[in-house]
Amino acid sequence: MLGERLKRIRKGKRITQDEIAGYLGVKRQTYSAYERGVSIPDSLTLKKIADYFEVSTDYFFQSTEENPPLAQNAQEKKLLLLARRAERIPSAQRDRLIRSFEENIDMFLDALGLADDNDANE
């Protein structure tokens, strides 16, 4: 599963094995072995791969086939990176933090007159 996901996301972004191997500081053959399932990257390398492709490390091991969320601009990229960092917070506290963030966004949108009635239903 890991190798298939690595290959799918790399090809989806039209990146060569040479490019990702260069970013990781490994030989192309080493990266190719990850995609073929011959070897598995260590945890630090896997984290670098996830950061490069802007996904969580969990994406490579999920059983669903859905596509990972991709950042469409610098602001979204920053939010995805913050979400990844928040994964280390215990779930109860993380859920409170997310609710607080949502409430603050809604408050600002209301204050600016930009709130959408559909936002309240999500």
PDB file of N, CA and C in Angstrom:
ATOM      1  N   MET A   1       0.816  -1.186   0.000  1.00  0.00           N
ATOM      2  CA  MET A   1       0.000   0.000   0.000  1.00  0.00           C
ATOM      3  C   MET A   1       0.867   1.260   0.000  1.00  0.00           C
ATOM      4  N   LEU A   2       1.909   1.317   0.817  1.00  0.00           N
ATOM      5  CA  LEU A   2       2.785   2.481   0.880  1.00  0.00           C
ATOM      6  C   LEU A   2       3.386   2.788  -0.483  1.00  0.00           C
ATOM      7  N   GLY A   3       3.944   1.784  -1.121  1.00  0.00           N
ATOM      8  CA  GLY A   3       4.573   1.989  -2.417  1.00  0.00           C
ATOM      9  C   GLY A   3       3.597   2.498  -3.458  1.00  0.00           C
ATOM     10  N   GLU A   4       2.397   1.937  -3.453  1.00  0.00           N
ATOM     11  CA  GLU A   4       1.371   2.373  -4.409  1.00  0.00           C
ATOM     12  C   GLU A   4       0.990   3.823  -4.175  1.00  0.00           C
ATOM     13  N   ARG A   5       0.849   4.198  -2.918  1.00  0.00           N
ATOM     14  CA  ARG A   5       0.493   5.583  -2.597  1.00  0.00           C
ATOM     15  C   ARG A   5       1.614   6.541  -2.995  1.00  0.00           C
ATOM     16  N   LEU A   6       2.849   6.152  -2.723  1.00  0.00           N
ATOM     17  CA  LEU A   6       3.982   6.997  -3.104  1.00  0.00           C
ATOM     18  C   LEU A   6       3.983   7.235  -4.613  1.00  0.00           C
ATOM     19  N   LYS A   7       3.797   6.173  -5.347  1.00  0.00           N
ATOM     20  CA  LYS A   7       3.822   6.280  -6.807  1.00  0.00           C
ATOM     21  C   LYS A   7       2.658   7.123  -7.316  1.00  0.00           C
ATOM     22  N   ARG A   8       1.464   6.894  -6.770  1.00  0.00           N
ATOM     23  CA  ARG A   8       0.277   7.612  -7.223  1.00  0.00           C
ATOM     24  C   ARG A   8       0.404   9.112  -6.971  1.00  0.00           C
ATOM     25  N   ILE A   9       0.838   9.490  -5.779  1.00  0.00           N
ATOM     26  CA  ILE A   9       0.914  10.916  -5.469  1.00  0.00           C
ATOM     27  C   ILE A   9       2.041  11.589  -6.258  1.00  0.00           C
ATOM     28  N   ARG A  10       3.137  10.876  -6.453  1.00  0.00           N
ATOM     29  CA  ARG A  10       4.255  11.445  -7.225  1.00  0.00           C
ATOM     30  C   ARG A  10       3.830  11.678  -8.668  1.00  0.00           C
ATOM     31  N   LYS A  11       3.202  10.675  -9.269  1.00  0.00           N
ATOM     32  CA  LYS A  11       2.769  10.806 -10.664  1.00  0.00           C
ATOM     33  C   LYS A  11       1.669  11.852 -10.791  1.00  0.00           C
ATOM     34  N   GLY A  12       0.789  11.932  -9.796  1.00  0.00           N
ATOM     35  CA  GLY A  12      -0.272  12.930  -9.819  1.00  0.00           C
ATOM     36  C   GLY A  12       0.259  14.347  -9.824  1.00  0.00           C
ATOM     37  N   LYS A  13       1.390  14.540  -9.195  1.00  0.00           N
ATOM     38  CA  LYS A  13       2.011  15.872  -9.169  1.00  0.00           C
ATOM     39  C   LYS A  13       3.049  16.045 -10.270  1.00  0.00           C
ATOM     40  N   ARG A  14       3.175  15.016 -11.100  1.00  0.00           N
ATOM     41  CA  ARG A  14       4.110  15.039 -12.239  1.00  0.00           C
ATOM     42  C   ARG A  14       5.533  15.336 -11.801  1.00  0.00           C
ATOM     43  N   ILE A  15       5.969  14.583 -10.816  1.00  0.00           N
ATOM     44  CA  ILE A  15       7.318  14.700 -10.281  1.00  0.00           C
ATOM     45  C   ILE A  15       8.057  13.406 -10.611  1.00  0.00           C
ATOM     46  N   THR A  16       9.301  13.531 -11.000  1.00  0.00           N
ATOM     47  CA  THR A  16      10.079  12.337 -11.329  1.00  0.00           C
ATOM     48  C   THR A  16      10.666  11.727 -10.062  1.00  0.00           C
ATOM     49  N   GLN A  17      11.044  10.465 -10.181  1.00  0.00           N
ATOM     50  CA  GLN A  17      11.723   9.817  -9.059  1.00  0.00           C
ATOM     51  C   GLN A  17      13.038  10.518  -8.760  1.00  0.00           C
ATOM     52  N   ASP A  18      13.715  11.007  -9.790  1.00  0.00           N
ATOM     53  CA  ASP A  18      14.970  11.740  -9.581  1.00  0.00           C
ATOM     54  C   ASP A  18      14.746  12.991  -8.743  1.00  0.00           C
ATOM     55  N   GLU A  19      13.645  13.707  -9.005  1.00  0.00           N
ATOM     56  CA  GLU A  19      13.365  14.946  -8.261  1.00  0.00           C
ATOM     57  C   GLU A  19      13.129  14.672  -6.781  1.00  0.00           C
ATOM     58  N   ILE A  20      12.273  13.709  -6.491  1.00  0.00           N
ATOM     59  CA  ILE A  20      11.976  13.423  -5.087  1.00  0.00           C
ATOM     60  C   ILE A  20      13.194  12.816  -4.396  1.00  0.00           C
ATOM     61  N   ALA A  21      13.943  11.971  -5.095  1.00  0.00           N
ATOM     62  CA  ALA A  21      15.156  11.393  -4.511  1.00  0.00           C
ATOM     63  C   ALA A  21      16.160  12.496  -4.186  1.00  0.00           C
ATOM     64  N   GLY A  22      16.298  13.475  -5.080  1.00  0.00           N
ATOM     65  CA  GLY A  22      17.202  14.599  -4.822  1.00  0.00           C
ATOM     66  C   GLY A  22      16.777  15.386  -3.604  1.00  0.00           C
ATOM     67  N   TYR A  23      15.479  15.625  -3.459  1.00  0.00           N
ATOM     68  CA  TYR A  23      14.960  16.340  -2.290  1.00  0.00           C
ATOM     69  C   TYR A  23      15.262  15.571  -1.001  1.00  0.00           C
ATOM     70  N   LEU A  24      15.126  14.248  -1.080  1.00  0.00           N
ATOM     71  CA  LEU A  24      15.344  13.410   0.106  1.00  0.00           C
ATOM     72  C   LEU A  24      16.821  13.161   0.397  1.00  0.00           C
ATOM     73  N   GLY A  25      17.661  13.398  -0.612  1.00  0.00           N
ATOM     74  CA  GLY A  25      19.088  13.126  -0.443  1.00  0.00           C
ATOM     75  C   GLY A  25      19.417  11.645  -0.534  1.00  0.00           C
ATOM     76  N   VAL A  26      18.637  10.929  -1.346  1.00  0.00           N
ATOM     77  CA  VAL A  26      18.898   9.498  -1.561  1.00  0.00           C
ATOM     78  C   VAL A  26      19.049   9.258  -3.060  1.00  0.00           C
ATOM     79  N   LYS A  27      19.542   8.090  -3.423  1.00  0.00           N
ATOM     80  CA  LYS A  27      19.653   7.736  -4.837  1.00  0.00           C
ATOM     81  C   LYS A  27      18.264   7.426  -5.390  1.00  0.00           C
ATOM     82  N   ARG A  28      18.110   7.616  -6.701  1.00  0.00           N
ATOM     83  CA  ARG A  28      16.837   7.307  -7.339  1.00  0.00           C
ATOM     84  C   ARG A  28      16.456   5.855  -7.097  1.00  0.00           C
ATOM     85  N   GLN A  29      17.449   4.962  -7.118  1.00  0.00           N
ATOM     86  CA  GLN A  29      17.176   3.539  -6.908  1.00  0.00           C
ATOM     87  C   GLN A  29      16.583   3.287  -5.520  1.00  0.00           C
ATOM     88  N   THR A  30      17.040   4.064  -4.541  1.00  0.00           N
ATOM     89  CA  THR A  30      16.514   3.917  -3.180  1.00  0.00           C
ATOM     90  C   THR A  30      15.047   4.319  -3.150  1.00  0.00           C
ATOM     91  N   TYR A  31      14.741   5.461  -3.760  1.00  0.00           N
ATOM     92  CA  TYR A  31      13.351   5.902  -3.789  1.00  0.00           C
ATOM     93  C   TYR A  31      12.491   4.926  -4.591  1.00  0.00           C
ATOM     94  N   SER A  32      13.012   4.441  -5.697  1.00  0.00           N
ATOM     95  CA  SER A  32      12.294   3.479  -6.516  1.00  0.00           C
ATOM     96  C   SER A  32      11.947   2.230  -5.696  1.00  0.00           C
ATOM     97  N   ALA A  33      12.852   1.827  -4.845  1.00  0.00           N
ATOM     98  CA  ALA A  33      12.605   0.665  -3.992  1.00  0.00           C
ATOM     99  C   ALA A  33      11.439   0.925  -3.035  1.00  0.00           C
ATOM    100  N   TYR A  34      11.279   2.180  -2.581  1.00  0.00           N
ATOM    101  CA  TYR A  34      10.132   2.516  -1.730  1.00  0.00           C
ATOM    102  C   TYR A  34       8.829   2.310  -2.510  1.00  0.00           C
ATOM    103  N   GLU A  35       8.810   2.806  -3.744  1.00  0.00           N
ATOM    104  CA  GLU A  35       7.594   2.685  -4.552  1.00  0.00           C
ATOM    105  C   GLU A  35       7.282   1.239  -4.922  1.00  0.00           C
ATOM    106  N   ARG A  36       8.313   0.427  -5.110  1.00  0.00           N
ATOM    107  CA  ARG A  36       8.097  -0.971  -5.479  1.00  0.00           C
ATOM    108  C   ARG A  36       7.810  -1.848  -4.270  1.00  0.00           C
ATOM    109  N   GLY A  37       7.928  -1.302  -3.076  1.00  0.00           N
ATOM    110  CA  GLY A  37       7.674  -2.061  -1.862  1.00  0.00           C
ATOM    111  C   GLY A  37       8.820  -2.971  -1.469  1.00  0.00           C
ATOM    112  N   VAL A  38       9.985  -2.758  -2.074  1.00  0.00           N
ATOM    113  CA  VAL A  38      11.161  -3.567  -1.761  1.00  0.00           C
ATOM    114  C   VAL A  38      11.767  -3.129  -0.433  1.00  0.00           C
ATOM    115  N   SER A  39      11.691  -1.822  -0.150  1.00  0.00           N
ATOM    116  CA  SER A  39      12.150  -1.314   1.141  1.00  0.00           C
ATOM    117  C   SER A  39      11.188  -0.237   1.609  1.00  0.00           C
ATOM    118  N   ILE A  40      11.307   0.110   2.876  1.00  0.00           N
ATOM    119  CA  ILE A  40      10.424   1.087   3.500  1.00  0.00           C
ATOM    120  C   ILE A  40      11.279   2.227   4.034  1.00  0.00           C
ATOM    121  N   PRO A  41      10.871   3.474   3.777  1.00  0.00           N
ATOM    122  CA  PRO A  41      11.649   4.596   4.305  1.00  0.00           C
ATOM    123  C   PRO A  41      11.569   4.650   5.822  1.00  0.00           C
ATOM    124  N   ASP A  42      12.639   5.139   6.453  1.00  0.00           N
ATOM    125  CA  ASP A  42      12.581   5.306   7.906  1.00  0.00           C
ATOM    126  C   ASP A  42      11.607   6.438   8.227  1.00  0.00           C
ATOM    127  N   SER A  43      11.286   6.617   9.488  1.00  0.00           N
ATOM    128  CA  SER A  43      10.249   7.572   9.877  1.00  0.00           C
ATOM    129  C   SER A  43      10.603   9.011   9.493  1.00  0.00           C
ATOM    130  N   LEU A  44      11.844   9.401   9.619  1.00  0.00           N
ATOM    131  CA  LEU A  44      12.232  10.765   9.248  1.00  0.00           C
ATOM    132  C   LEU A  44      12.099  10.996   7.745  1.00  0.00           C
ATOM    133  N   THR A  45      12.487  10.006   6.961  1.00  0.00           N
ATOM    134  CA  THR A  45      12.359  10.113   5.507  1.00  0.00           C
ATOM    135  C   THR A  45      10.889  10.150   5.114  1.00  0.00           C
ATOM    136  N   LEU A  46      10.074   9.335   5.746  1.00  0.00           N
ATOM    137  CA  LEU A  46       8.643   9.337   5.448  1.00  0.00           C
ATOM    138  C   LEU A  46       8.027  10.699   5.781  1.00  0.00           C
ATOM    139  N   LYS A  47       8.462  11.304   6.867  1.00  0.00           N
ATOM    140  CA  LYS A  47       7.975  12.643   7.238  1.00  0.00           C
ATOM    141  C   LYS A  47       8.375  13.661   6.180  1.00  0.00           C
ATOM    142  N   LYS A  48       9.606  13.563   5.668  1.00  0.00           N
ATOM    143  CA  LYS A  48      10.056  14.474   4.611  1.00  0.00           C
ATOM    144  C   LYS A  48       9.224  14.281   3.344  1.00  0.00           C
ATOM    145  N   ILE A  49       8.908  13.041   3.034  1.00  0.00           N
ATOM    146  CA  ILE A  49       8.083  12.755   1.851  1.00  0.00           C
ATOM    147  C   ILE A  49       6.698  13.370   2.040  1.00  0.00           C
ATOM    148  N   ALA A  50       6.108  13.174   3.210  1.00  0.00           N
ATOM    149  CA  ALA A  50       4.778  13.733   3.492  1.00  0.00           C
ATOM    150  C   ALA A  50       4.794  15.256   3.394  1.00  0.00           C
ATOM    151  N   ASP A  51       5.812  15.878   3.948  1.00  0.00           N
ATOM    152  CA  ASP A  51       5.920  17.337   3.870  1.00  0.00           C
ATOM    153  C   ASP A  51       6.060  17.791   2.421  1.00  0.00           C
ATOM    154  N   TYR A  52       6.849  17.071   1.651  1.00  0.00           N
ATOM    155  CA  TYR A  52       7.066  17.419   0.247  1.00  0.00           C
ATOM    156  C   TYR A  52       5.755  17.392  -0.534  1.00  0.00           C
ATOM    157  N   PHE A  53       4.942  16.365  -0.281  1.00  0.00           N
ATOM    158  CA  PHE A  53       3.687  16.211  -0.998  1.00  0.00           C
ATOM    159  C   PHE A  53       2.509  16.882  -0.292  1.00  0.00           C
ATOM    160  N   GLU A  54       2.774  17.527   0.842  1.00  0.00           N
ATOM    161  CA  GLU A  54       1.761  18.257   1.601  1.00  0.00           C
ATOM    162  C   GLU A  54       0.602  17.368   2.042  1.00  0.00           C
ATOM    163  N   VAL A  55       0.951  16.205   2.578  1.00  0.00           N
ATOM    164  CA  VAL A  55      -0.032  15.282   3.147  1.00  0.00           C
ATOM    165  C   VAL A  55       0.474  14.861   4.523  1.00  0.00           C
ATOM    166  N   SER A  56      -0.388  14.211   5.296  1.00  0.00           N
ATOM    167  CA  SER A  56       0.066  13.666   6.570  1.00  0.00           C
ATOM    168  C   SER A  56       0.704  12.300   6.307  1.00  0.00           C
ATOM    169  N   THR A  57       1.523  11.850   7.219  1.00  0.00           N
ATOM    170  CA  THR A  57       2.120  10.526   7.053  1.00  0.00           C
ATOM    171  C   THR A  57       1.036   9.450   7.066  1.00  0.00           C
ATOM    172  N   ASP A  58      -0.070   9.722   7.734  1.00  0.00           N
ATOM    173  CA  ASP A  58      -1.186   8.770   7.769  1.00  0.00           C
ATOM    174  C   ASP A  58      -1.724   8.470   6.378  1.00  0.00           C
ATOM    175  N   TYR A  59      -1.646   9.441   5.475  1.00  0.00           N
ATOM    176  CA  TYR A  59      -2.163   9.247   4.125  1.00  0.00           C
ATOM    177  C   TYR A  59      -1.586   7.982   3.486  1.00  0.00           C
ATOM    178  N   PHE A  60      -0.325   7.702   3.762  1.00  0.00           N
ATOM    179  CA  PHE A  60       0.336   6.569   3.118  1.00  0.00           C
ATOM    180  C   PHE A  60      -0.142   5.225   3.649  1.00  0.00           C
ATOM    181  N   PHE A  61      -0.871   5.232   4.767  1.00  0.00           N
ATOM    182  CA  PHE A  61      -1.299   3.975   5.380  1.00  0.00           C
ATOM    183  C   PHE A  61      -2.810   3.841   5.504  1.00  0.00           C
ATOM    184  N   GLN A  62      -3.565   4.852   5.064  1.00  0.00           N
ATOM    185  CA  GLN A  62      -5.020   4.793   5.139  1.00  0.00           C
ATOM    186  C   GLN A  62      -5.554   3.724   4.208  1.00  0.00           C
ATOM    187  N   SER A  63      -6.673   3.132   4.591  1.00  0.00           N
ATOM    188  CA  SER A  63      -7.262   2.095   3.745  1.00  0.00           C
ATOM    189  C   SER A  63      -8.185   2.667   2.685  1.00  0.00           C
ATOM    190  N   THR A  64      -8.581   3.938   2.812  1.00  0.00           N
ATOM    191  CA  THR A  64      -9.468   4.530   1.809  1.00  0.00           C
ATOM    192  C   THR A  64      -8.661   4.973   0.601  1.00  0.00           C
ATOM    193  N   GLU A  65      -9.334   5.130  -0.500  1.00  0.00           N
ATOM    194  CA  GLU A  65      -8.675   5.521  -1.744  1.00  0.00           C
ATOM    195  C   GLU A  65      -8.861   6.991  -2.066  1.00  0.00           C
ATOM    196  N   GLU A  66      -9.393   7.759  -1.111  1.00  0.00           N
ATOM    197  CA  GLU A  66      -9.627   9.158  -1.423  1.00  0.00           C
ATOM    198  C   GLU A  66      -8.307   9.905  -1.595  1.00  0.00           C
ATOM    199  N   ASN A  67      -8.360  10.966  -2.376  1.00  0.00           N
ATOM    200  CA  ASN A  67      -7.174  11.768  -2.622  1.00  0.00           C
ATOM    201  C   ASN A  67      -6.886  12.651  -1.417  1.00  0.00           C
ATOM    202  N   PRO A  68      -5.616  12.926  -1.150  1.00  0.00           N
ATOM    203  CA  PRO A  68      -5.295  13.783  -0.018  1.00  0.00           C
ATOM    204  C   PRO A  68      -5.651  15.228  -0.343  1.00  0.00           C
ATOM    205  N   PRO A  69      -5.961  16.010   0.685  1.00  0.00           N
ATOM    206  CA  PRO A  69      -6.204  17.418   0.415  1.00  0.00           C
ATOM    207  C   PRO A  69      -4.891  18.091   0.024  1.00  0.00           C
ATOM    208  N   LEU A  70      -4.946  18.882  -1.025  1.00  0.00           N
ATOM    209  CA  LEU A  70      -3.759  19.580  -1.487  1.00  0.00           C
ATOM    210  C   LEU A  70      -3.959  21.075  -1.306  1.00  0.00           C
ATOM    211  N   ALA A  71      -2.909  21.761  -0.877  1.00  0.00           N
ATOM    212  CA  ALA A  71      -2.975  23.204  -0.723  1.00  0.00           C
ATOM    213  C   ALA A  71      -3.018  23.864  -2.086  1.00  0.00           C
ATOM    214  N   GLN A  72      -3.895  24.833  -2.216  1.00  0.00           N
ATOM    215  CA  GLN A  72      -4.021  25.544  -3.483  1.00  0.00           C
ATOM    216  C   GLN A  72      -3.308  26.882  -3.474  1.00  0.00           C
ATOM    217  N   ASN A  73      -2.874  27.311  -2.283  1.00  0.00           N
ATOM    218  CA  ASN A  73      -2.121  28.559  -2.180  1.00  0.00           C
ATOM    219  C   ASN A  73      -1.304  28.535  -0.892  1.00  0.00           C
ATOM    220  N   ALA A  74      -0.524  29.569  -0.684  1.00  0.00           N
ATOM    221  CA  ALA A  74       0.372  29.599   0.480  1.00  0.00           C
ATOM    222  C   ALA A  74      -0.400  29.567   1.799  1.00  0.00           C
ATOM    223  N   GLN A  75      -1.546  30.231   1.844  1.00  0.00           N
ATOM    224  CA  GLN A  75      -2.337  30.251   3.068  1.00  0.00           C
ATOM    225  C   GLN A  75      -2.853  28.855   3.402  1.00  0.00           C
ATOM    226  N   GLU A  76      -3.369  28.140   2.398  1.00  0.00           N
ATOM    227  CA  GLU A  76      -3.844  26.781   2.633  1.00  0.00           C
ATOM    228  C   GLU A  76      -2.705  25.860   3.032  1.00  0.00           C
ATOM    229  N   LYS A  77      -1.536  26.059   2.445  1.00  0.00           N
ATOM    230  CA  LYS A  77      -0.378  25.243   2.806  1.00  0.00           C
ATOM    231  C   LYS A  77      -0.036  25.440   4.276  1.00  0.00           C
ATOM    232  N   LYS A  78      -0.070  26.697   4.727  1.00  0.00           N
ATOM    233  CA  LYS A  78       0.232  26.976   6.130  1.00  0.00           C
ATOM    234  C   LYS A  78      -0.797  26.322   7.044  1.00  0.00           C
ATOM    235  N   LEU A  79      -2.078  26.367   6.652  1.00  0.00           N
ATOM    236  CA  LEU A  79      -3.120  25.739   7.463  1.00  0.00           C
ATOM    237  C   LEU A  79      -2.952  24.222   7.512  1.00  0.00           C
ATOM    238  N   LEU A  80      -2.572  23.612   6.391  1.00  0.00           N
ATOM    239  CA  LEU A  80      -2.331  22.163   6.387  1.00  0.00           C
ATOM    240  C   LEU A  80      -1.154  21.800   7.288  1.00  0.00           C
ATOM    241  N   LEU A  81      -0.107  22.615   7.252  1.00  0.00           N
ATOM    242  CA  LEU A  81       1.050  22.352   8.113  1.00  0.00           C
ATOM    243  C   LEU A  81       0.679  22.512   9.584  1.00  0.00           C
ATOM    244  N   LEU A  82      -0.155  23.506   9.891  1.00  0.00           N
ATOM    245  CA  LEU A  82      -0.624  23.675  11.272  1.00  0.00           C
ATOM    246  C   LEU A  82      -1.475  22.484  11.706  1.00  0.00           C
ATOM    247  N   ALA A  83      -2.320  22.003  10.805  1.00  0.00           N
ATOM    248  CA  ALA A  83      -3.152  20.839  11.124  1.00  0.00           C
ATOM    249  C   ALA A  83      -2.288  19.623  11.402  1.00  0.00           C
ATOM    250  N   ARG A  84      -1.219  19.463  10.628  1.00  0.00           N
ATOM    251  CA  ARG A  84      -0.302  18.341  10.850  1.00  0.00           C
ATOM    252  C   ARG A  84       0.376  18.454  12.212  1.00  0.00           C
ATOM    253  N   ARG A  85       0.764  19.682  12.579  1.00  0.00           N
ATOM    254  CA  ARG A  85       1.381  19.879  13.893  1.00  0.00           C
ATOM    255  C   ARG A  85       0.381  19.577  15.003  1.00  0.00           C
ATOM    256  N   ALA A  86      -0.878  19.940  14.774  1.00  0.00           N
ATOM    257  CA  ALA A  86      -1.918  19.732  15.788  1.00  0.00           C
ATOM    258  C   ALA A  86      -2.197  18.255  16.032  1.00  0.00           C
ATOM    259  N   GLU A  87      -1.794  17.389  15.107  1.00  0.00           N
ATOM    260  CA  GLU A  87      -2.011  15.949  15.287  1.00  0.00           C
ATOM    261  C   GLU A  87      -1.318  15.429  16.545  1.00  0.00           C
ATOM    262  N   ARG A  88      -0.314  16.152  17.025  1.00  0.00           N
ATOM    263  CA  ARG A  88       0.424  15.719  18.219  1.00  0.00           C
ATOM    264  C   ARG A  88      -0.299  16.065  19.516  1.00  0.00           C
ATOM    265  N   ILE A  89      -1.313  16.926  19.433  1.00  0.00           N
ATOM    266  CA  ILE A  89      -2.075  17.338  20.609  1.00  0.00           C
ATOM    267  C   ILE A  89      -3.087  16.239  20.924  1.00  0.00           C
ATOM    268  N   PRO A  90      -3.260  15.888  22.201  1.00  0.00           N
ATOM    269  CA  PRO A  90      -4.269  14.877  22.546  1.00  0.00           C
ATOM    270  C   PRO A  90      -5.636  15.261  21.969  1.00  0.00           C
ATOM    271  N   SER A  91      -6.400  14.262  21.535  1.00  0.00           N
ATOM    272  CA  SER A  91      -7.610  14.498  20.746  1.00  0.00           C
ATOM    273  C   SER A  91      -8.623  15.426  21.420  1.00  0.00           C
ATOM    274  N   ALA A  92      -8.861  15.293  22.704  1.00  0.00           N
ATOM    275  CA  ALA A  92      -9.853  16.151  23.371  1.00  0.00           C
ATOM    276  C   ALA A  92      -9.448  17.621  23.283  1.00  0.00           C
ATOM    277  N   GLN A  93      -8.187  17.904  23.565  1.00  0.00           N
ATOM    278  CA  GLN A  93      -7.705  19.278  23.485  1.00  0.00           C
ATOM    279  C   GLN A  93      -7.670  19.765  22.031  1.00  0.00           C
ATOM    280  N   ARG A  94      -7.312  18.873  21.119  1.00  0.00           N
ATOM    281  CA  ARG A  94      -7.271  19.238  19.702  1.00  0.00           C
ATOM    282  C   ARG A  94      -8.675  19.581  19.207  1.00  0.00           C
ATOM    283  N   ASP A  95      -9.673  18.809  19.605  1.00  0.00           N
ATOM    284  CA  ASP A  95     -11.057  19.079  19.205  1.00  0.00           C
ATOM    285  C   ASP A  95     -11.518  20.441  19.734  1.00  0.00           C
ATOM    286  N   ARG A  96     -11.157  20.763  20.975  1.00  0.00           N
ATOM    287  CA  ARG A  96     -11.507  22.080  21.541  1.00  0.00           C
ATOM    288  C   ARG A  96     -10.827  23.195  20.766  1.00  0.00           C
ATOM    289  N   LEU A  97      -9.575  22.986  20.411  1.00  0.00           N
ATOM    290  CA  LEU A  97      -8.821  23.982  19.655  1.00  0.00           C
ATOM    291  C   LEU A  97      -9.460  24.208  18.284  1.00  0.00           C
ATOM    292  N   ILE A  98      -9.865  23.149  17.622  1.00  0.00           N
ATOM    293  CA  ILE A  98     -10.495  23.261  16.300  1.00  0.00           C
ATOM    294  C   ILE A  98     -11.838  23.981  16.410  1.00  0.00           C
ATOM    295  N   ARG A  99     -12.643  23.626  17.420  1.00  0.00           N
ATOM    296  CA  ARG A  99     -13.932  24.310  17.618  1.00  0.00           C
ATOM    297  C   ARG A  99     -13.719  25.809  17.861  1.00  0.00           C
ATOM    298  N   SER A 100     -12.724  26.130  18.668  1.00  0.00           N
ATOM    299  CA  SER A 100     -12.415  27.530  18.949  1.00  0.00           C
ATOM    300  C   SER A 100     -12.006  28.260  17.676  1.00  0.00           C
ATOM    301  N   PHE A 101     -11.202  27.618  16.854  1.00  0.00           N
ATOM    302  CA  PHE A 101     -10.776  28.212  15.589  1.00  0.00           C
ATOM    303  C   PHE A 101     -11.992  28.463  14.692  1.00  0.00           C
ATOM    304  N   GLU A 102     -12.863  27.463  14.589  1.00  0.00           N
ATOM    305  CA  GLU A 102     -14.069  27.610  13.774  1.00  0.00           C
ATOM    306  C   GLU A 102     -14.936  28.756  14.278  1.00  0.00           C
ATOM    307  N   GLU A 103     -15.101  28.848  15.606  1.00  0.00           N
ATOM    308  CA  GLU A 103     -15.917  29.915  16.184  1.00  0.00           C
ATOM    309  C   GLU A 103     -15.313  31.281  15.893  1.00  0.00           C
ATOM    310  N   ASN A 104     -13.986  31.394  15.970  1.00  0.00           N
ATOM    311  CA  ASN A 104     -13.324  32.667  15.679  1.00  0.00           C
ATOM    312  C   ASN A 104     -13.484  33.059  14.213  1.00  0.00           C
ATOM    313  N   ILE A 105     -13.359  32.097  13.319  1.00  0.00           N
ATOM    314  CA  ILE A 105     -13.555  32.385  11.900  1.00  0.00           C
ATOM    315  C   ILE A 105     -14.979  32.875  11.669  1.00  0.00           C
ATOM    316  N   ASP A 106     -15.969  32.163  12.247  1.00  0.00           N
ATOM    317  CA  ASP A 106     -17.367  32.562  12.099  1.00  0.00           C
ATOM    318  C   ASP A 106     -17.607  33.967  12.651  1.00  0.00           C
ATOM    319  N   MET A 107     -17.003  34.271  13.807  1.00  0.00           N
ATOM    320  CA  MET A 107     -17.163  35.585  14.423  1.00  0.00           C
ATOM    321  C   MET A 107     -16.629  36.685  13.494  1.00  0.00           C
ATOM    322  N   PHE A 108     -15.442  36.460  12.900  1.00  0.00           N
ATOM    323  CA  PHE A 108     -14.869  37.451  12.004  1.00  0.00           C
ATOM    324  C   PHE A 108     -15.716  37.609  10.738  1.00  0.00           C
ATOM    325  N   LEU A 109     -16.198  36.499  10.194  1.00  0.00           N
ATOM    326  CA  LEU A 109     -17.039  36.578   9.003  1.00  0.00           C
ATOM    327  C   LEU A 109     -18.334  37.331   9.297  1.00  0.00           C
ATOM    328  N   ASP A 110     -18.941  37.055  10.463  1.00  0.00           N
ATOM    329  CA  ASP A 110     -20.152  37.773  10.858  1.00  0.00           C
ATOM    330  C   ASP A 110     -19.871  39.262  10.986  1.00  0.00           C
ATOM    331  N   ALA A 111     -18.778  39.616  11.651  1.00  0.00           N
ATOM    332  CA  ALA A 111     -18.427  41.020  11.870  1.00  0.00           C
ATOM    333  C   ALA A 111     -18.183  41.748  10.550  1.00  0.00           C
ATOM    334  N   LEU A 112     -17.669  41.047   9.570  1.00  0.00           N
ATOM    335  CA  LEU A 112     -17.397  41.651   8.265  1.00  0.00           C
ATOM    336  C   LEU A 112     -18.592  41.561   7.316  1.00  0.00           C
ATOM    337  N   GLY A 113     -19.667  40.934   7.777  1.00  0.00           N
ATOM    338  CA  GLY A 113     -20.845  40.770   6.934  1.00  0.00           C
ATOM    339  C   GLY A 113     -20.632  39.773   5.804  1.00  0.00           C
ATOM    340  N   LEU A 114     -19.703  38.852   6.003  1.00  0.00           N
ATOM    341  CA  LEU A 114     -19.362  37.874   4.966  1.00  0.00           C
ATOM    342  C   LEU A 114     -19.843  36.469   5.289  1.00  0.00           C
ATOM    343  N   ALA A 115     -20.576  36.316   6.377  1.00  0.00           N
ATOM    344  CA  ALA A 115     -21.046  34.991   6.777  1.00  0.00           C
ATOM    345  C   ALA A 115     -22.010  34.452   5.733  1.00  0.00           C
ATOM    346  N   ASP A 116     -21.913  33.187   5.485  1.00  0.00           N
ATOM    347  CA  ASP A 116     -22.788  32.489   4.541  1.00  0.00           C
ATOM    348  C   ASP A 116     -23.730  31.634   5.369  1.00  0.00           C
ATOM    349  N   ASP A 117     -25.016  31.676   5.065  1.00  0.00           N
ATOM    350  CA  ASP A 117     -25.973  30.874   5.817  1.00  0.00           C
ATOM    351  C   ASP A 117     -25.633  29.410   5.803  1.00  0.00           C
ATOM    352  N   ASN A 118     -24.963  28.930   4.753  1.00  0.00           N
ATOM    353  CA  ASN A 118     -24.577  27.523   4.674  1.00  0.00           C
ATOM    354  C   ASN A 118     -23.473  27.184   5.648  1.00  0.00           C
ATOM    355  N   ASP A 119     -22.672  28.196   6.069  1.00  0.00           N
ATOM    356  CA  ASP A 119     -21.579  27.937   7.013  1.00  0.00           C
ATOM    357  C   ASP A 119     -22.122  27.423   8.347  1.00  0.00           C
ATOM    358  N   ALA A 120     -23.268  27.885   8.755  1.00  0.00           N
ATOM    359  CA  ALA A 120     -23.825  27.477  10.039  1.00  0.00           C
ATOM    360  C   ALA A 120     -24.234  26.009  10.033  1.00  0.00           C
ATOM    361  N   ASN A 121     -24.493  25.456   8.858  1.00  0.00           N
ATOM    362  CA  ASN A 121     -24.948  24.064   8.767  1.00  0.00           C
ATOM    363  C   ASN A 121     -23.798  23.072   8.725  1.00  0.00           C
ATOM    364  N   GLU A 122     -22.591  23.514   8.616  1.00  0.00           N
ATOM    365  CA  GLU A 122     -21.443  22.577   8.488  1.00  0.00           C
ATOM    366  C   GLU A 122     -20.919  22.175   9.830  1.00  0.00           C
TER     367      GLU A 122
END
